[in-house]
N, C-alpha and C. Protein backbone atom coordinates (compact mmCIF):
# COMPACT_ATOMS: atom_id res chain seq x y z
N MET A 1 51.62 2.40 60.62
CA MET A 1 52.41 2.95 59.49
C MET A 1 50.74 3.22 58.99
N LYS A 2 50.06 2.19 59.13
CA LYS A 2 48.69 2.43 58.16
C LYS A 2 47.94 3.57 58.49
N ASN A 3 48.03 4.20 59.43
CA ASN A 3 47.96 5.69 59.83
C ASN A 3 48.43 6.59 59.15
N ASN A 4 49.97 6.20 58.54
CA ASN A 4 51.04 7.18 58.27
C ASN A 4 50.43 7.37 56.47
N LEU A 5 50.04 5.99 56.01
CA LEU A 5 49.35 6.18 54.44
C LEU A 5 48.33 6.78 54.71
N LYS A 6 47.45 6.70 55.58
CA LYS A 6 45.88 7.34 55.44
C LYS A 6 45.67 8.96 55.64
N ASN A 7 47.24 9.31 56.44
CA ASN A 7 47.16 11.12 56.18
C ASN A 7 47.49 11.21 55.53
N LYS A 8 48.81 10.54 54.28
CA LYS A 8 48.99 10.73 53.27
C LYS A 8 48.50 11.00 51.83
N VAL A 9 47.29 9.72 51.68
CA VAL A 9 46.53 10.22 51.14
C VAL A 9 45.57 11.06 50.91
N LYS A 10 45.41 11.97 49.99
CA LYS A 10 44.01 13.05 50.18
C LYS A 10 43.46 12.59 49.46
N LYS A 11 42.26 13.41 50.00
CA LYS A 11 40.89 12.95 48.78
C LYS A 11 40.59 13.78 48.06
N PRO A 12 39.94 13.65 46.92
CA PRO A 12 39.98 14.89 45.82
C PRO A 12 38.58 15.81 46.65
N THR A 13 39.52 17.14 46.27
CA THR A 13 38.77 18.06 46.78
C THR A 13 37.57 18.69 46.06
N ARG A 14 35.98 18.16 45.94
CA ARG A 14 35.10 18.23 45.00
C ARG A 14 34.56 19.88 45.43
N HIS A 15 34.11 20.65 44.25
CA HIS A 15 33.57 21.73 44.88
C HIS A 15 32.34 21.63 44.82
N PRO A 16 30.72 22.24 45.29
CA PRO A 16 29.80 22.41 44.71
C PRO A 16 30.01 22.61 42.97
N ASP A 17 30.46 23.42 42.65
CA ASP A 17 30.01 24.10 41.12
C ASP A 17 30.36 22.78 40.51
N TYR A 18 31.38 22.00 40.84
CA TYR A 18 31.69 20.78 40.00
C TYR A 18 30.76 20.15 39.14
N PHE A 19 29.95 19.72 40.82
CA PHE A 19 28.69 18.63 40.26
C PHE A 19 27.99 19.63 39.41
N GLU A 20 27.26 20.56 39.68
CA GLU A 20 26.46 21.73 38.97
C GLU A 20 27.22 21.62 37.34
N VAL A 21 28.38 21.71 37.57
CA VAL A 21 28.93 21.81 36.30
C VAL A 21 28.40 20.25 35.02
N VAL A 22 28.75 19.23 35.57
CA VAL A 22 28.76 17.51 35.84
C VAL A 22 26.89 17.64 35.20
N VAL A 23 25.86 17.98 36.21
CA VAL A 23 24.81 18.08 35.47
C VAL A 23 24.38 18.57 34.83
N GLU A 24 25.02 20.10 34.65
CA GLU A 24 24.67 20.97 33.35
C GLU A 24 25.03 20.20 32.05
N ASP A 25 25.86 19.50 31.80
CA ASP A 25 26.80 18.89 30.79
C ASP A 25 25.84 17.63 30.69
N ILE A 26 25.35 16.61 31.40
CA ILE A 26 24.50 15.79 31.30
C ILE A 26 22.87 16.21 30.86
N LYS A 27 22.42 17.45 31.28
CA LYS A 27 21.60 18.07 31.19
C LYS A 27 21.68 18.13 29.49
N GLY A 28 22.42 19.24 29.16
CA GLY A 28 22.76 19.33 27.85
C GLY A 28 22.95 18.09 27.07
N LYS A 29 23.26 17.27 27.20
CA LYS A 29 23.51 15.79 26.45
C LYS A 29 22.15 14.85 26.15
N LEU A 30 21.30 15.18 27.42
CA LEU A 30 20.35 14.71 27.28
C LEU A 30 19.32 15.30 26.59
N GLU A 31 19.58 16.82 26.13
CA GLU A 31 18.54 17.74 25.52
C GLU A 31 19.00 17.72 23.95
N VAL A 32 20.14 16.86 23.52
CA VAL A 32 20.40 16.87 21.98
C VAL A 32 20.13 15.32 22.19
N ILE A 33 19.56 14.76 22.60
CA ILE A 33 19.31 13.47 22.41
C ILE A 33 17.98 13.72 22.30
N ILE A 34 17.13 13.98 23.18
CA ILE A 34 15.73 14.37 22.89
C ILE A 34 15.77 15.30 21.92
N GLU A 35 16.02 16.10 21.62
CA GLU A 35 15.83 17.14 20.25
C GLU A 35 15.99 15.97 18.73
N GLY A 36 16.96 15.22 19.22
CA GLY A 36 17.10 14.20 17.92
C GLY A 36 16.57 13.23 18.09
N GLN A 37 15.74 12.99 18.70
CA GLN A 37 14.72 11.73 19.08
C GLN A 37 13.18 12.50 18.23
N THR A 38 13.14 13.78 18.52
CA THR A 38 12.11 14.60 18.59
C THR A 38 11.97 14.51 16.45
N VAL A 39 13.08 15.47 16.17
CA VAL A 39 13.28 15.14 14.85
C VAL A 39 13.55 13.89 13.81
N ALA A 40 13.75 12.59 14.64
CA ALA A 40 13.30 11.33 14.31
C ALA A 40 11.99 11.00 14.06
N SER A 41 11.34 11.37 14.82
CA SER A 41 9.83 10.82 15.26
C SER A 41 9.21 11.76 14.11
N GLU A 42 9.44 13.30 14.21
CA GLU A 42 8.72 13.88 13.33
C GLU A 42 8.78 13.51 11.60
N ARG A 43 10.45 12.86 11.43
CA ARG A 43 10.49 12.54 10.11
C ARG A 43 9.93 10.89 9.72
N PHE A 44 9.89 10.43 10.86
CA PHE A 44 8.97 9.09 10.41
C PHE A 44 7.48 9.41 10.63
N ASP A 45 6.82 10.19 11.18
CA ASP A 45 5.64 10.58 11.22
C ASP A 45 5.05 11.03 9.38
N LYS A 46 5.87 11.76 8.98
CA LYS A 46 5.91 12.23 7.73
C LYS A 46 5.90 11.42 6.69
N PHE A 47 7.02 10.58 7.11
CA PHE A 47 7.48 9.21 5.79
C PHE A 47 6.12 8.14 6.02
N GLU A 48 5.69 8.05 7.54
CA GLU A 48 4.10 7.31 7.41
C GLU A 48 2.79 8.01 6.80
N GLN A 49 2.72 9.16 7.20
CA GLN A 49 1.52 10.06 6.35
C GLN A 49 1.85 9.84 4.33
N GLN A 50 2.87 9.67 4.18
CA GLN A 50 3.49 10.20 2.66
C GLN A 50 3.06 8.10 2.31
N THR A 51 3.55 7.58 2.89
CA THR A 51 3.08 6.14 2.89
C THR A 51 1.92 5.64 2.78
N ASN A 52 0.78 6.14 3.50
CA ASN A 52 -0.60 5.47 3.79
C ASN A 52 -1.20 6.66 2.38
N SER A 53 -0.80 8.01 2.34
CA SER A 53 -1.05 8.56 1.14
C SER A 53 -1.08 7.33 -0.01
N SER A 54 0.12 7.58 -0.10
CA SER A 54 0.65 6.74 -1.92
C SER A 54 -0.73 4.83 -1.29
N PHE A 55 -0.36 4.33 -0.43
CA PHE A 55 -1.38 2.92 -0.29
C PHE A 55 -2.83 3.24 -0.86
N GLN A 56 -3.37 4.71 -0.30
CA GLN A 56 -4.55 5.34 -0.67
C GLN A 56 -4.82 5.35 -1.86
N THR A 57 -3.85 6.05 -2.78
CA THR A 57 -3.78 6.53 -4.01
C THR A 57 -3.83 4.93 -5.18
N VAL A 58 -2.90 4.08 -4.61
CA VAL A 58 -2.73 2.49 -4.98
C VAL A 58 -3.68 1.81 -5.29
N PHE A 59 -4.65 2.30 -3.86
CA PHE A 59 -5.89 1.25 -3.91
C PHE A 59 -7.06 1.70 -4.19
N SER A 60 -7.13 3.11 -4.44
CA SER A 60 -8.33 3.74 -5.43
C SER A 60 -8.00 3.44 -6.76
N TYR A 61 -7.10 3.42 -7.33
CA TYR A 61 -6.74 3.46 -8.44
C TYR A 61 -6.96 1.54 -9.27
N LEU A 62 -6.37 0.82 -7.91
CA LEU A 62 -6.95 -0.83 -8.36
C LEU A 62 -8.19 -1.13 -7.97
N SER A 63 -9.05 -0.11 -7.56
CA SER A 63 -10.68 -0.38 -7.06
C SER A 63 -11.27 0.27 -8.55
N ARG A 64 -10.49 1.35 -9.05
CA ARG A 64 -11.17 1.26 -10.37
C ARG A 64 -11.08 0.89 -11.36
N ILE A 65 -9.76 0.14 -11.49
CA ILE A 65 -9.62 -0.96 -12.77
C ILE A 65 -10.26 -2.21 -12.11
N ASP A 66 -10.78 -2.48 -10.78
CA ASP A 66 -11.50 -3.95 -10.53
C ASP A 66 -12.81 -3.55 -11.63
N ASP A 67 -13.36 -2.40 -11.01
CA ASP A 67 -14.76 -1.92 -11.56
C ASP A 67 -14.59 -1.83 -12.81
N GLU A 68 -14.14 -1.45 -13.64
CA GLU A 68 -13.97 -1.57 -15.54
C GLU A 68 -13.45 -2.68 -15.52
N LEU A 69 -12.76 -3.40 -14.95
CA LEU A 69 -13.01 -5.10 -14.98
C LEU A 69 -14.00 -6.00 -15.39
N GLN A 70 -15.01 -5.68 -14.21
CA GLN A 70 -16.07 -6.27 -13.92
C GLN A 70 -16.78 -5.62 -15.19
N GLU A 71 -17.26 -4.35 -15.62
CA GLU A 71 -17.86 -3.90 -16.38
C GLU A 71 -17.79 -4.28 -18.18
N ILE A 72 -16.68 -5.24 -17.91
CA ILE A 72 -15.81 -5.49 -19.26
C ILE A 72 -16.24 -6.70 -19.07
N LYS A 73 -16.36 -7.51 -18.35
CA LYS A 73 -16.46 -9.09 -18.20
C LYS A 73 -17.86 -8.82 -18.39
N ASN A 74 -18.62 -8.18 -17.88
CA ASN A 74 -20.33 -7.99 -18.09
C ASN A 74 -20.88 -8.13 -19.55
N GLU A 75 -19.60 -6.99 -20.15
CA GLU A 75 -20.37 -6.60 -21.56
C GLU A 75 -19.63 -8.23 -22.48
N ILE A 76 -19.01 -8.42 -22.13
CA ILE A 76 -18.38 -9.63 -22.83
C ILE A 76 -19.40 -11.05 -22.76
N LYS A 77 -19.94 -11.03 -21.63
CA LYS A 77 -20.93 -11.57 -21.23
C LYS A 77 -22.32 -11.38 -22.58
N LYS A 78 -22.46 -10.30 -22.21
CA LYS A 78 -23.78 -9.93 -22.75
C LYS A 78 -23.54 -9.76 -24.63
N LEU A 79 -22.28 -9.54 -24.94
CA LEU A 79 -21.69 -9.74 -26.38
C LEU A 79 -22.13 -11.22 -26.91
N LYS A 80 -21.57 -12.44 -25.80
CA LYS A 80 -21.54 -13.67 -26.35
C LYS A 80 -23.11 -13.92 -26.78
N GLU A 81 -24.17 -13.58 -25.63
CA GLU A 81 -25.26 -14.14 -25.76
C GLU A 81 -26.03 -13.67 -26.57
N GLU A 82 -25.53 -12.17 -27.44
CA GLU A 82 -25.96 -11.84 -28.65
C GLU A 82 -25.42 -12.27 -30.33
N LEU A 83 -24.05 -12.88 -30.06
CA LEU A 83 -23.59 -13.46 -30.58
C LEU A 83 -24.06 -14.85 -30.73
N LYS A 84 -24.13 -15.62 -29.87
CA LYS A 84 -25.05 -16.65 -29.75
C LYS A 84 -26.76 -16.58 -30.46
N GLY A 85 -27.02 -16.07 -30.31
CA GLY A 85 -28.31 -15.54 -30.61
C GLY A 85 -28.62 -15.43 -32.50
N LYS A 86 -27.41 -14.62 -32.65
CA LYS A 86 -27.03 -13.95 -34.18
C LYS A 86 -26.71 -15.45 -34.80
N ALA A 87 -26.27 -16.10 -34.39
CA ALA A 87 -25.25 -17.60 -34.95
C ALA A 87 -26.71 -18.44 -35.00
N GLU A 88 -28.05 -18.59 -34.40
CA GLU A 88 -28.74 -19.45 -34.49
C GLU A 88 -30.07 -18.69 -35.41
N LEU A 89 -29.83 -17.27 -35.30
CA LEU A 89 -30.48 -16.83 -36.45
C LEU A 89 -29.92 -16.87 -37.95
N VAL A 90 -28.75 -16.90 -37.98
CA VAL A 90 -27.86 -17.24 -39.54
C VAL A 90 -28.43 -18.82 -39.70
N ARG A 91 -28.12 -19.65 -38.85
CA ARG A 91 -28.64 -21.53 -39.10
C ARG A 91 -29.80 -21.40 -39.52
N LEU A 92 -30.36 -20.92 -38.70
CA LEU A 92 -32.30 -20.78 -38.87
C LEU A 92 -32.58 -20.52 -40.45
N GLU A 93 -31.92 -19.45 -40.57
CA GLU A 93 -32.05 -19.09 -42.29
C GLU A 93 -31.72 -19.88 -43.01
N THR A 94 -30.13 -20.32 -43.02
CA THR A 94 -29.57 -21.33 -43.50
C THR A 94 -30.63 -22.56 -43.69
N LEU A 95 -31.32 -23.21 -42.88
CA LEU A 95 -32.19 -23.95 -42.19
C LEU A 95 -33.26 -23.90 -43.39
N GLU A 96 -34.46 -22.56 -42.71
CA GLU A 96 -35.39 -22.22 -43.94
C GLU A 96 -35.05 -22.35 -45.46
N ILE A 97 -33.66 -21.66 -45.76
CA ILE A 97 -33.84 -21.73 -47.39
C ILE A 97 -33.09 -23.32 -47.65
N ARG A 98 -32.81 -24.01 -47.23
CA ARG A 98 -32.79 -25.46 -47.45
C ARG A 98 -34.17 -26.19 -47.41
N VAL A 99 -34.95 -25.93 -46.44
CA VAL A 99 -36.17 -26.24 -46.10
C VAL A 99 -37.29 -26.09 -47.61
N ALA A 100 -36.99 -24.48 -48.13
CA ALA A 100 -37.73 -24.09 -49.00
C ALA A 100 -37.59 -24.73 -50.15
N ARG A 101 -35.87 -25.07 -50.59
CA ARG A 101 -35.31 -25.48 -52.07
C ARG A 101 -35.75 -27.14 -51.64
N ILE A 102 -35.99 -28.08 -51.03
CA ILE A 102 -36.35 -29.03 -50.99
C ILE A 102 -38.07 -29.56 -50.78
N GLU A 103 -38.78 -28.10 -50.88
CA GLU A 103 -39.94 -28.08 -50.58
C GLU A 103 -39.98 -27.34 -52.51
N GLU A 104 -39.72 -27.19 -53.15
CA GLU A 104 -39.33 -26.69 -54.81
C GLU A 104 -39.09 -28.12 -55.15
N GLU A 105 -38.24 -28.63 -54.72
CA GLU A 105 -37.80 -30.05 -55.48
C GLU A 105 -39.04 -31.10 -55.70
N MET A 106 -39.64 -31.28 -54.30
CA MET A 106 -40.80 -32.04 -53.92
C MET A 106 -42.03 -31.79 -54.91
N ALA A 107 -42.01 -30.56 -54.98
CA ALA A 107 -43.22 -30.08 -56.06
C ALA A 107 -42.89 -30.01 -56.80
N ARG A 108 -41.97 -30.27 -57.80
CA ARG A 108 -41.36 -30.26 -59.41
C ARG A 108 -41.80 -31.77 -59.41
N HIS A 109 -41.55 -32.67 -58.74
CA HIS A 109 -41.61 -34.31 -58.56
C HIS A 109 -42.88 -34.60 -58.76
């Protein structure tokens, strides 16, 4: 009986053309995937270039601001020194006037 069942079950017949069609279908799908990956890679590269360019622009701008800030700090330091000197001159002039008055009063007495 087992032999009868084996004889009744037919093996599917495959034509060599069937395998070629399957392989061509797989090949076509792989080409689509590869093309998609290539487009995605190109877009990512473009995005990366734009991002790097933007970072360079921001870095350059911040560097200029840092340089200007340092110049401003140096100017403030110089101005403080000049003002300190001027304040000392005003104080010296005030003291000279007071000494002159005291000398005049002493000369009168």
